[in-house]
Amino acid sequence: MKNVSRIKFLHCFRRPVIEDMMLEPRRRRNQLMHLLIDEDDNERASVKPPYARSRKHSFSRMLKSALFYTALKLIDDQANQFCSTSLSSGSSLALEYVDCVFAMSSPCLVVWGVTYLLFISLMGTVLCGRAYAIVFALMWLLVVTRRLCWSVTDNDDDHVETDEKKRRKTVAQFMEVLGRMRERNRPKK
């Protein structure tokens, strides 16, 4: 009897101890998680967000923004002129420069102009990164597309002019033949 009561007595005490031992890792894990979350929150609170830092107007930042906004403005110019109905309206600085480069007679000047364009694009890419490279590539894609469209429309205009000249010449020849036939068919007095 004593043994049975002693086992029951020990069993009553062991059960919560065993449960505590099983729950201990879970409690520790939860406590550690709370500590880590608190530390992370403290670190986030101590670090200033980027917009709250002091924004010094450094030369490189000003140069980057100037290059980037210049490229954006040139793209906007090209897009507006590309979409406008009158293609003969005032062209932008970039298109004028391309015209100057390709209108140069000396191959040395053409090489210098293309080198200058590449230097500008590489400098902007190095300073401003991928965004500037994408913007600059879009700008020159628009410029080249516009030049190609102009050359195609010029060729179409040339074809229209030659077709018009041929038609006028044919009409003039036809009228001349009709005039000769009338003269032949006139009764002679």
N, C-alpha and C. Protein backbone atom coordinates (compact mmCIF):
# COMPACT_ATOMS: atom_id res chain seq x y z
N MET A 1 0.82 -1.20 0.00
CA MET A 1 0.00 0.00 0.00
C MET A 1 0.85 1.24 0.00
N LYS A 2 1.88 1.17 0.81
CA LYS A 2 2.75 2.34 0.87
C LYS A 2 3.39 2.59 -0.48
N ASN A 3 3.77 1.50 -1.15
CA ASN A 3 4.40 1.66 -2.45
C ASN A 3 3.45 2.30 -3.47
N VAL A 4 2.22 1.85 -3.47
CA VAL A 4 1.24 2.40 -4.41
C VAL A 4 1.01 3.87 -4.14
N SER A 5 0.86 4.24 -2.90
CA SER A 5 0.63 5.65 -2.58
C SER A 5 1.86 6.49 -2.90
N ARG A 6 3.03 5.91 -2.65
CA ARG A 6 4.26 6.65 -2.97
C ARG A 6 4.37 6.90 -4.48
N ILE A 7 4.01 5.91 -5.32
CA ILE A 7 4.06 6.07 -6.78
C ILE A 7 3.06 7.13 -7.22
N LYS A 8 1.86 7.07 -6.64
CA LYS A 8 0.88 8.09 -6.99
C LYS A 8 1.36 9.47 -6.59
N PHE A 9 1.96 9.55 -5.43
CA PHE A 9 2.46 10.83 -4.93
C PHE A 9 3.56 11.37 -5.86
N LEU A 10 4.50 10.52 -6.23
CA LEU A 10 5.57 10.94 -7.14
C LEU A 10 5.03 11.27 -8.53
N HIS A 11 4.07 10.49 -8.92
CA HIS A 11 3.49 10.73 -10.24
C HIS A 11 2.82 12.09 -10.30
N CYS A 12 2.15 12.46 -9.23
CA CYS A 12 1.52 13.78 -9.20
C CYS A 12 2.54 14.90 -9.33
N PHE A 13 3.71 14.68 -8.74
CA PHE A 13 4.73 15.73 -8.83
C PHE A 13 5.51 15.68 -10.15
N ARG A 14 5.67 14.51 -10.70
CA ARG A 14 6.47 14.40 -11.91
C ARG A 14 5.76 14.94 -13.14
N ARG A 15 4.48 14.80 -13.16
CA ARG A 15 3.75 15.18 -14.37
C ARG A 15 3.96 16.65 -14.74
N PRO A 16 3.75 17.60 -13.87
CA PRO A 16 4.01 18.99 -14.25
C PRO A 16 5.47 19.24 -14.58
N VAL A 17 6.36 18.54 -13.88
CA VAL A 17 7.79 18.71 -14.17
C VAL A 17 8.10 18.26 -15.59
N ILE A 18 7.54 17.13 -15.98
CA ILE A 18 7.75 16.62 -17.34
C ILE A 18 7.14 17.57 -18.36
N GLU A 19 5.93 18.06 -18.05
CA GLU A 19 5.31 19.02 -18.97
C GLU A 19 6.14 20.29 -19.08
N ASP A 20 6.67 20.75 -17.96
CA ASP A 20 7.53 21.94 -17.99
C ASP A 20 8.77 21.69 -18.82
N MET A 21 9.32 20.49 -18.67
CA MET A 21 10.51 20.17 -19.44
C MET A 21 10.20 20.12 -20.94
N MET A 22 9.01 19.64 -21.28
CA MET A 22 8.64 19.60 -22.70
C MET A 22 8.33 20.98 -23.24
N LEU A 23 7.74 21.82 -22.41
CA LEU A 23 7.38 23.16 -22.86
C LEU A 23 8.55 24.13 -22.83
N GLU A 24 9.60 23.78 -22.13
CA GLU A 24 10.73 24.71 -21.96
C GLU A 24 11.35 25.16 -23.29
N PRO A 25 11.64 24.25 -24.21
CA PRO A 25 12.22 24.72 -25.48
C PRO A 25 11.30 25.68 -26.23
N ARG A 26 10.00 25.42 -26.17
CA ARG A 26 9.05 26.29 -26.85
C ARG A 26 9.05 27.68 -26.21
N ARG A 27 9.08 27.72 -24.89
CA ARG A 27 9.10 29.01 -24.18
C ARG A 27 10.39 29.77 -24.50
N ARG A 28 11.48 29.03 -24.45
CA ARG A 28 12.76 29.68 -24.74
C ARG A 28 12.76 30.24 -26.17
N ARG A 29 12.25 29.43 -27.09
CA ARG A 29 12.21 29.89 -28.48
C ARG A 29 11.36 31.15 -28.61
N ASN A 30 10.20 31.16 -27.96
CA ASN A 30 9.34 32.35 -28.01
C ASN A 30 10.01 33.56 -27.38
N GLN A 31 10.67 33.34 -26.25
CA GLN A 31 11.37 34.46 -25.61
C GLN A 31 12.48 35.00 -26.50
N LEU A 32 13.22 34.07 -27.12
CA LEU A 32 14.29 34.51 -28.02
C LEU A 32 13.73 35.28 -29.22
N MET A 33 12.61 34.80 -29.74
CA MET A 33 11.99 35.50 -30.87
C MET A 33 11.56 36.91 -30.47
N HIS A 34 10.97 37.04 -29.28
CA HIS A 34 10.57 38.37 -28.80
C HIS A 34 11.79 39.27 -28.63
N LEU A 35 12.86 38.71 -28.09
CA LEU A 35 14.08 39.51 -27.93
C LEU A 35 14.63 39.97 -29.28
N LEU A 36 14.65 39.05 -30.25
CA LEU A 36 15.16 39.41 -31.57
C LEU A 36 14.29 40.47 -32.24
N ILE A 37 12.98 40.32 -32.08
CA ILE A 37 12.07 41.32 -32.67
C ILE A 37 12.28 42.67 -32.02
N ASP A 38 12.43 42.68 -30.69
CA ASP A 38 12.68 43.95 -30.00
C ASP A 38 13.99 44.58 -30.45
N GLU A 39 15.05 43.75 -30.58
CA GLU A 39 16.34 44.29 -31.03
C GLU A 39 16.23 44.85 -32.45
N ASP A 40 15.52 44.13 -33.31
CA ASP A 40 15.35 44.58 -34.69
C ASP A 40 14.60 45.90 -34.74
N ASP A 41 13.54 46.01 -33.92
CA ASP A 41 12.79 47.27 -33.86
C ASP A 41 13.66 48.41 -33.36
N ASN A 42 14.49 48.13 -32.36
CA ASN A 42 15.39 49.17 -31.85
C ASN A 42 16.39 49.61 -32.91
N GLU A 43 16.93 48.63 -33.67
CA GLU A 43 17.88 48.99 -34.73
C GLU A 43 17.20 49.82 -35.80
N ARG A 44 15.99 49.43 -36.18
CA ARG A 44 15.27 50.20 -37.20
C ARG A 44 14.97 51.60 -36.72
N ALA A 45 14.65 51.74 -35.47
CA ALA A 45 14.34 53.07 -34.93
C ALA A 45 15.59 53.93 -34.88
N SER A 46 16.75 53.31 -34.64
CA SER A 46 17.98 54.11 -34.52
C SER A 46 18.51 54.53 -35.89
N VAL A 47 18.25 53.74 -36.94
CA VAL A 47 18.74 54.09 -38.28
C VAL A 47 17.75 55.04 -38.94
N LYS A 48 18.27 56.15 -39.48
CA LYS A 48 17.39 57.10 -40.15
C LYS A 48 17.04 56.57 -41.54
N PRO A 49 15.82 56.77 -41.96
CA PRO A 49 15.47 56.40 -43.33
C PRO A 49 16.21 57.30 -44.32
N PRO A 50 16.34 56.86 -45.58
CA PRO A 50 17.15 57.63 -46.53
C PRO A 50 16.64 59.05 -46.76
N TYR A 51 15.30 59.23 -46.71
CA TYR A 51 14.78 60.58 -46.96
C TYR A 51 15.03 61.52 -45.80
N ALA A 52 15.36 60.97 -44.62
CA ALA A 52 15.60 61.83 -43.46
C ALA A 52 17.06 62.24 -43.33
N ARG A 53 17.93 61.64 -44.16
CA ARG A 53 19.34 62.01 -44.09
C ARG A 53 19.53 63.42 -44.65
N SER A 54 20.62 64.02 -44.25
CA SER A 54 20.89 65.36 -44.76
C SER A 54 21.30 65.24 -46.22
N ARG A 55 20.61 65.98 -47.08
CA ARG A 55 20.87 65.91 -48.52
C ARG A 55 21.82 67.03 -48.91
N LYS A 56 23.09 66.69 -49.03
CA LYS A 56 24.07 67.68 -49.44
C LYS A 56 24.05 67.78 -50.96
N HIS A 57 24.16 68.99 -51.45
CA HIS A 57 24.18 69.19 -52.89
C HIS A 57 25.60 69.00 -53.39
N SER A 58 25.96 67.76 -53.60
CA SER A 58 27.31 67.48 -54.08
C SER A 58 27.36 67.67 -55.59
N PHE A 59 28.56 67.86 -56.10
CA PHE A 59 28.73 68.10 -57.53
C PHE A 59 28.30 66.88 -58.34
N SER A 60 28.65 65.68 -57.85
CA SER A 60 28.30 64.48 -58.62
C SER A 60 26.79 64.28 -58.68
N ARG A 61 26.10 64.56 -57.55
CA ARG A 61 24.65 64.41 -57.55
C ARG A 61 24.00 65.41 -58.51
N MET A 62 24.52 66.66 -58.51
CA MET A 62 23.96 67.66 -59.42
C MET A 62 24.24 67.29 -60.88
N LEU A 63 25.44 66.76 -61.14
CA LEU A 63 25.78 66.36 -62.51
C LEU A 63 24.91 65.20 -62.96
N LYS A 64 24.70 64.23 -62.06
CA LYS A 64 23.85 63.09 -62.40
C LYS A 64 22.43 63.55 -62.73
N SER A 65 21.88 64.39 -61.88
CA SER A 65 20.50 64.83 -62.13
C SER A 65 20.42 65.66 -63.40
N ALA A 66 21.44 66.49 -63.66
CA ALA A 66 21.41 67.30 -64.88
C ALA A 66 21.46 66.42 -66.11
N LEU A 67 22.35 65.42 -66.10
CA LEU A 67 22.44 64.51 -67.24
C LEU A 67 21.14 63.74 -67.43
N PHE A 68 20.59 63.26 -66.32
CA PHE A 68 19.38 62.44 -66.41
C PHE A 68 18.20 63.27 -66.94
N TYR A 69 18.02 64.47 -66.40
CA TYR A 69 16.89 65.29 -66.84
C TYR A 69 17.09 65.82 -68.24
N THR A 70 18.35 66.04 -68.65
CA THR A 70 18.60 66.44 -70.04
C THR A 70 18.19 65.33 -70.99
N ALA A 71 18.57 64.10 -70.65
CA ALA A 71 18.18 62.97 -71.50
C ALA A 71 16.67 62.81 -71.53
N LEU A 72 16.01 62.98 -70.38
CA LEU A 72 14.54 62.88 -70.36
C LEU A 72 13.90 63.96 -71.21
N LYS A 73 14.44 65.18 -71.14
CA LYS A 73 13.89 66.29 -71.93
C LYS A 73 14.07 66.03 -73.42
N LEU A 74 15.25 65.50 -73.79
CA LEU A 74 15.48 65.20 -75.20
C LEU A 74 14.54 64.10 -75.69
N ILE A 75 14.30 63.11 -74.83
CA ILE A 75 13.34 62.05 -75.22
C ILE A 75 11.95 62.64 -75.38
N ASP A 76 11.57 63.51 -74.47
CA ASP A 76 10.25 64.14 -74.56
C ASP A 76 10.15 64.95 -75.84
N ASP A 77 11.21 65.70 -76.16
CA ASP A 77 11.25 66.47 -77.41
C ASP A 77 11.05 65.57 -78.61
N GLN A 78 11.83 64.48 -78.63
CA GLN A 78 11.75 63.57 -79.77
C GLN A 78 10.38 62.93 -79.87
N ALA A 79 9.82 62.53 -78.73
CA ALA A 79 8.50 61.89 -78.75
C ALA A 79 7.44 62.87 -79.23
N ASN A 80 7.51 64.11 -78.76
CA ASN A 80 6.53 65.11 -79.20
C ASN A 80 6.63 65.37 -80.69
N GLN A 81 7.87 65.49 -81.19
CA GLN A 81 8.03 65.77 -82.60
C GLN A 81 7.71 64.55 -83.45
N PHE A 82 7.97 63.37 -82.89
CA PHE A 82 7.67 62.15 -83.64
C PHE A 82 6.16 61.98 -83.79
N CYS A 83 5.41 62.37 -82.75
CA CYS A 83 3.96 62.20 -82.79
C CYS A 83 3.25 63.37 -83.45
N SER A 84 3.95 64.48 -83.64
CA SER A 84 3.28 65.65 -84.20
C SER A 84 2.99 65.41 -85.67
N THR A 85 1.99 66.14 -86.18
CA THR A 85 1.61 65.94 -87.57
C THR A 85 2.59 66.62 -88.52
N SER A 86 3.10 67.77 -88.12
CA SER A 86 4.03 68.47 -89.00
C SER A 86 5.45 68.06 -88.65
N LEU A 87 6.04 67.25 -89.51
CA LEU A 87 7.41 66.80 -89.27
C LEU A 87 8.41 67.90 -89.57
N SER A 88 7.98 68.94 -90.29
CA SER A 88 8.93 69.99 -90.65
C SER A 88 9.03 71.06 -89.58
N SER A 89 8.35 70.87 -88.44
CA SER A 89 8.45 71.86 -87.37
C SER A 89 9.85 71.84 -86.78
N GLY A 90 10.16 72.82 -85.94
CA GLY A 90 11.52 72.97 -85.42
C GLY A 90 12.04 71.71 -84.77
N SER A 91 13.22 71.31 -85.15
CA SER A 91 13.77 70.06 -84.62
C SER A 91 14.55 70.34 -83.35
N SER A 92 14.72 69.29 -82.56
CA SER A 92 15.39 69.46 -81.28
C SER A 92 16.90 69.53 -81.46
N LEU A 93 17.56 69.83 -80.38
CA LEU A 93 19.02 69.97 -80.40
C LEU A 93 19.69 68.66 -80.78
N ALA A 94 19.16 67.55 -80.26
CA ALA A 94 19.78 66.26 -80.56
C ALA A 94 19.68 65.94 -82.04
N LEU A 95 18.50 66.18 -82.62
CA LEU A 95 18.32 65.88 -84.04
C LEU A 95 19.18 66.80 -84.89
N GLU A 96 19.27 68.08 -84.49
CA GLU A 96 20.14 69.00 -85.23
C GLU A 96 21.58 68.53 -85.16
N TYR A 97 21.99 68.05 -83.99
CA TYR A 97 23.37 67.58 -83.86
C TYR A 97 23.59 66.36 -84.74
N VAL A 98 22.61 65.44 -84.77
CA VAL A 98 22.74 64.27 -85.64
C VAL A 98 22.81 64.70 -87.09
N ASP A 99 21.97 65.69 -87.48
CA ASP A 99 22.03 66.20 -88.84
C ASP A 99 23.40 66.78 -89.15
N CYS A 100 23.95 67.53 -88.18
CA CYS A 100 25.28 68.12 -88.38
C CYS A 100 26.33 67.03 -88.53
N VAL A 101 26.21 65.99 -87.70
CA VAL A 101 27.22 64.92 -87.76
C VAL A 101 27.16 64.22 -89.10
N PHE A 102 25.95 63.91 -89.57
CA PHE A 102 25.85 63.16 -90.81
C PHE A 102 25.96 64.04 -92.05
N ALA A 103 25.85 65.35 -91.88
CA ALA A 103 25.99 66.25 -93.01
C ALA A 103 27.43 66.69 -93.22
N MET A 104 28.32 66.34 -92.30
CA MET A 104 29.72 66.75 -92.43
C MET A 104 30.35 66.05 -93.62
N SER A 105 31.18 66.81 -94.31
CA SER A 105 31.80 66.23 -95.51
C SER A 105 33.05 65.43 -95.16
N SER A 106 33.78 65.87 -94.16
CA SER A 106 35.04 65.21 -93.82
C SER A 106 34.78 63.97 -92.96
N PRO A 107 35.35 62.82 -93.32
CA PRO A 107 35.16 61.63 -92.47
C PRO A 107 35.76 61.79 -91.09
N CYS A 108 36.79 62.62 -90.98
CA CYS A 108 37.41 62.87 -89.67
C CYS A 108 36.42 63.55 -88.74
N LEU A 109 35.65 64.51 -89.29
CA LEU A 109 34.65 65.21 -88.47
C LEU A 109 33.52 64.27 -88.07
N VAL A 110 33.14 63.38 -88.98
CA VAL A 110 32.09 62.41 -88.66
C VAL A 110 32.55 61.50 -87.52
N VAL A 111 33.79 61.03 -87.60
CA VAL A 111 34.34 60.17 -86.54
C VAL A 111 34.38 60.94 -85.22
N TRP A 112 34.78 62.21 -85.28
CA TRP A 112 34.83 63.03 -84.06
C TRP A 112 33.43 63.19 -83.46
N GLY A 113 32.42 63.44 -84.31
CA GLY A 113 31.05 63.62 -83.82
C GLY A 113 30.50 62.36 -83.18
N VAL A 114 30.73 61.21 -83.82
CA VAL A 114 30.24 59.94 -83.26
C VAL A 114 30.98 59.63 -81.96
N THR A 115 32.29 59.93 -81.92
CA THR A 115 33.05 59.71 -80.69
C THR A 115 32.52 60.58 -79.56
N TYR A 116 32.15 61.81 -79.89
CA TYR A 116 31.59 62.72 -78.89
C TYR A 116 30.28 62.18 -78.34
N LEU A 117 29.42 61.68 -79.23
CA LEU A 117 28.14 61.10 -78.78
C LEU A 117 28.38 59.89 -77.88
N LEU A 118 29.33 59.03 -78.27
CA LEU A 118 29.63 57.86 -77.44
C LEU A 118 30.20 58.27 -76.08
N PHE A 119 31.04 59.32 -76.09
CA PHE A 119 31.62 59.79 -74.83
C PHE A 119 30.53 60.29 -73.89
N ILE A 120 29.58 61.06 -74.43
CA ILE A 120 28.48 61.57 -73.60
C ILE A 120 27.68 60.41 -73.03
N SER A 121 27.35 59.43 -73.88
CA SER A 121 26.53 58.32 -73.38
C SER A 121 27.28 57.48 -72.35
N LEU A 122 28.58 57.24 -72.57
CA LEU A 122 29.35 56.46 -71.60
C LEU A 122 29.52 57.20 -70.28
N MET A 123 29.78 58.51 -70.37
CA MET A 123 29.94 59.29 -69.14
C MET A 123 28.63 59.28 -68.33
N GLY A 124 27.52 59.47 -69.02
CA GLY A 124 26.24 59.43 -68.33
C GLY A 124 25.95 58.08 -67.73
N THR A 125 26.33 57.01 -68.45
CA THR A 125 26.09 55.66 -67.94
C THR A 125 26.94 55.39 -66.70
N VAL A 126 28.21 55.83 -66.74
CA VAL A 126 29.09 55.61 -65.59
C VAL A 126 28.59 56.40 -64.38
N LEU A 127 28.17 57.64 -64.61
CA LEU A 127 27.75 58.48 -63.49
C LEU A 127 26.37 58.10 -62.96
N CYS A 128 25.45 57.82 -63.86
CA CYS A 128 24.06 57.64 -63.44
C CYS A 128 23.58 56.19 -63.47
N GLY A 129 24.36 55.31 -64.01
CA GLY A 129 23.98 53.91 -63.97
C GLY A 129 23.06 53.50 -65.11
N ARG A 130 22.36 52.40 -64.87
CA ARG A 130 21.54 51.80 -65.92
C ARG A 130 20.40 52.69 -66.38
N ALA A 131 19.82 53.43 -65.47
CA ALA A 131 18.66 54.25 -65.83
C ALA A 131 19.03 55.24 -66.93
N TYR A 132 20.18 55.90 -66.78
CA TYR A 132 20.60 56.86 -67.80
C TYR A 132 20.87 56.15 -69.11
N ALA A 133 21.49 54.97 -69.05
CA ALA A 133 21.78 54.23 -70.28
C ALA A 133 20.50 53.89 -71.02
N ILE A 134 19.47 53.47 -70.27
CA ILE A 134 18.19 53.13 -70.90
C ILE A 134 17.55 54.36 -71.51
N VAL A 135 17.57 55.47 -70.76
CA VAL A 135 16.97 56.70 -71.26
C VAL A 135 17.70 57.18 -72.50
N PHE A 136 19.04 57.15 -72.46
CA PHE A 136 19.83 57.62 -73.59
C PHE A 136 19.60 56.73 -74.81
N ALA A 137 19.53 55.41 -74.58
CA ALA A 137 19.28 54.50 -75.70
C ALA A 137 17.91 54.74 -76.31
N LEU A 138 16.91 54.99 -75.47
CA LEU A 138 15.57 55.30 -75.99
C LEU A 138 15.58 56.58 -76.81
N MET A 139 16.33 57.58 -76.32
CA MET A 139 16.39 58.85 -77.04
C MET A 139 16.97 58.64 -78.43
N TRP A 140 18.11 57.94 -78.51
CA TRP A 140 18.73 57.75 -79.82
C TRP A 140 17.93 56.80 -80.68
N LEU A 141 17.20 55.87 -80.08
CA LEU A 141 16.31 55.02 -80.86
C LEU A 141 15.22 55.86 -81.51
N LEU A 142 14.66 56.80 -80.73
CA LEU A 142 13.65 57.69 -81.30
C LEU A 142 14.24 58.55 -82.41
N VAL A 143 15.45 59.06 -82.19
CA VAL A 143 16.08 59.90 -83.21
C VAL A 143 16.29 59.12 -84.50
N VAL A 144 16.85 57.92 -84.36
CA VAL A 144 17.13 57.11 -85.55
C VAL A 144 15.83 56.72 -86.24
N THR A 145 14.81 56.35 -85.45
CA THR A 145 13.51 55.98 -86.04
C THR A 145 12.94 57.16 -86.81
N ARG A 146 13.05 58.33 -86.22
CA ARG A 146 12.52 59.51 -86.89
C ARG A 146 13.28 59.81 -88.18
N ARG A 147 14.60 59.65 -88.13
CA ARG A 147 15.40 59.87 -89.34
C ARG A 147 15.01 58.87 -90.42
N LEU A 148 14.80 57.61 -90.01
CA LEU A 148 14.41 56.60 -91.00
C LEU A 148 13.04 56.92 -91.58
N CYS A 149 12.10 57.33 -90.71
CA CYS A 149 10.77 57.69 -91.21
C CYS A 149 10.85 58.87 -92.17
N TRP A 150 11.69 59.84 -91.83
CA TRP A 150 11.85 60.99 -92.73
C TRP A 150 12.42 60.55 -94.07
N SER A 151 13.42 59.66 -94.03
CA SER A 151 14.01 59.22 -95.30
C SER A 151 12.98 58.44 -96.12
N VAL A 152 12.15 57.62 -95.45
CA VAL A 152 11.12 56.88 -96.17
C VAL A 152 10.10 57.83 -96.76
N THR A 153 9.66 58.83 -95.98
CA THR A 153 8.68 59.78 -96.51
C THR A 153 9.29 60.62 -97.62
N ASP A 154 10.59 60.96 -97.50
CA ASP A 154 11.25 61.69 -98.58
C ASP A 154 11.28 60.85 -99.85
N ASN A 155 11.59 59.55 -99.69
CA ASN A 155 11.60 58.66 -100.86
C ASN A 155 10.20 58.55 -101.46
N ASP A 156 9.18 58.45 -100.59
CA ASP A 156 7.80 58.39 -101.08
C ASP A 156 7.45 59.67 -101.82
N ASP A 157 7.89 60.81 -101.26
CA ASP A 157 7.63 62.09 -101.94
C ASP A 157 8.32 62.13 -103.29
N ASP A 158 9.55 61.60 -103.34
CA ASP A 158 10.26 61.55 -104.62
C ASP A 158 9.51 60.68 -105.62
N HIS A 159 9.02 59.51 -105.14
CA HIS A 159 8.25 58.64 -106.02
C HIS A 159 6.97 59.32 -106.48
N VAL A 160 6.31 60.02 -105.56
CA VAL A 160 5.08 60.72 -105.92
C VAL A 160 5.39 61.80 -106.95
N GLU A 161 6.50 62.54 -106.72
CA GLU A 161 6.87 63.59 -107.67
C GLU A 161 7.19 63.00 -109.04
N THR A 162 7.95 61.90 -109.07
CA THR A 162 8.27 61.31 -110.37
C THR A 162 7.02 60.75 -111.03
N ASP A 163 6.13 60.14 -110.24
CA ASP A 163 4.87 59.65 -110.81
C ASP A 163 4.03 60.80 -111.35
N GLU A 164 4.02 61.91 -110.60
CA GLU A 164 3.27 63.09 -111.04
C GLU A 164 3.86 63.65 -112.34
N LYS A 165 5.19 63.70 -112.39
CA LYS A 165 5.84 64.20 -113.61
C LYS A 165 5.53 63.29 -114.80
N LYS A 166 5.59 61.97 -114.56
CA LYS A 166 5.29 61.03 -115.64
C LYS A 166 3.85 61.19 -116.12
N ARG A 167 2.95 61.36 -115.15
CA ARG A 167 1.54 61.51 -115.52
C ARG A 167 1.33 62.79 -116.33
N ARG A 168 1.96 63.88 -115.88
CA ARG A 168 1.83 65.15 -116.61
C ARG A 168 2.41 65.03 -118.02
N LYS A 169 3.56 64.35 -118.08
CA LYS A 169 4.19 64.18 -119.39
C LYS A 169 3.29 63.36 -120.31
N THR A 170 2.70 62.28 -119.74
CA THR A 170 1.81 61.44 -120.54
C THR A 170 0.58 62.22 -120.98
N VAL A 171 0.02 63.01 -120.07
CA VAL A 171 -1.16 63.82 -120.43
C VAL A 171 -0.78 64.84 -121.51
N ALA A 172 0.41 65.45 -121.37
CA ALA A 172 0.84 66.43 -122.38
C ALA A 172 1.01 65.75 -123.74
N GLN A 173 1.62 64.56 -123.74
CA GLN A 173 1.78 63.83 -125.00
C GLN A 173 0.42 63.46 -125.60
N PHE A 174 -0.50 63.02 -124.74
CA PHE A 174 -1.83 62.65 -125.20
C PHE A 174 -2.55 63.86 -125.81
N MET A 175 -2.43 65.02 -125.14
CA MET A 175 -3.07 66.24 -125.66
C MET A 175 -2.44 66.64 -127.00
N GLU A 176 -1.13 66.45 -127.11
CA GLU A 176 -0.46 66.78 -128.37
C GLU A 176 -0.95 65.88 -129.50
N VAL A 177 -1.09 64.57 -129.19
CA VAL A 177 -1.59 63.63 -130.20
C VAL A 177 -3.02 63.99 -130.58
N LEU A 178 -3.85 64.35 -129.60
CA LEU A 178 -5.23 64.75 -129.90
C LEU A 178 -5.25 66.00 -130.78
N GLY A 179 -4.36 66.95 -130.46
CA GLY A 179 -4.29 68.16 -131.29
C GLY A 179 -3.91 67.85 -132.72
N ARG A 180 -2.97 66.94 -132.93
CA ARG A 180 -2.58 66.57 -134.29
C ARG A 180 -3.74 65.89 -135.02
N MET A 181 -4.45 65.01 -134.29
CA MET A 181 -5.58 64.32 -134.92
C MET A 181 -6.67 65.30 -135.32
N ARG A 182 -6.91 66.32 -134.50
CA ARG A 182 -7.91 67.33 -134.84
C ARG A 182 -7.49 68.10 -136.09
N GLU A 183 -6.19 68.41 -136.11
CA GLU A 183 -5.72 69.15 -137.29
C GLU A 183 -5.88 68.31 -138.55
N ARG A 184 -5.66 67.01 -138.46
CA ARG A 184 -5.82 66.15 -139.62
C ARG A 184 -7.28 66.03 -140.04
N ASN A 185 -8.15 65.98 -139.05
CA ASN A 185 -9.57 65.77 -139.35
C ASN A 185 -10.27 67.05 -139.75
N ARG A 186 -9.64 68.20 -139.64
CA ARG A 186 -10.29 69.44 -140.05
C ARG A 186 -10.45 69.44 -141.57
N PRO A 187 -11.57 69.88 -141.93
CA PRO A 187 -11.75 69.96 -143.40
C PRO A 187 -10.87 71.05 -143.99
N LYS A 188 -10.22 70.75 -145.06
CA LYS A 188 -9.36 71.73 -145.70
C LYS A 188 -10.19 72.59 -146.62
N LYS A 189 -9.89 73.86 -146.64
CA LYS A 189 -10.65 74.79 -147.47
C LYS A 189 -10.04 74.91 -148.82
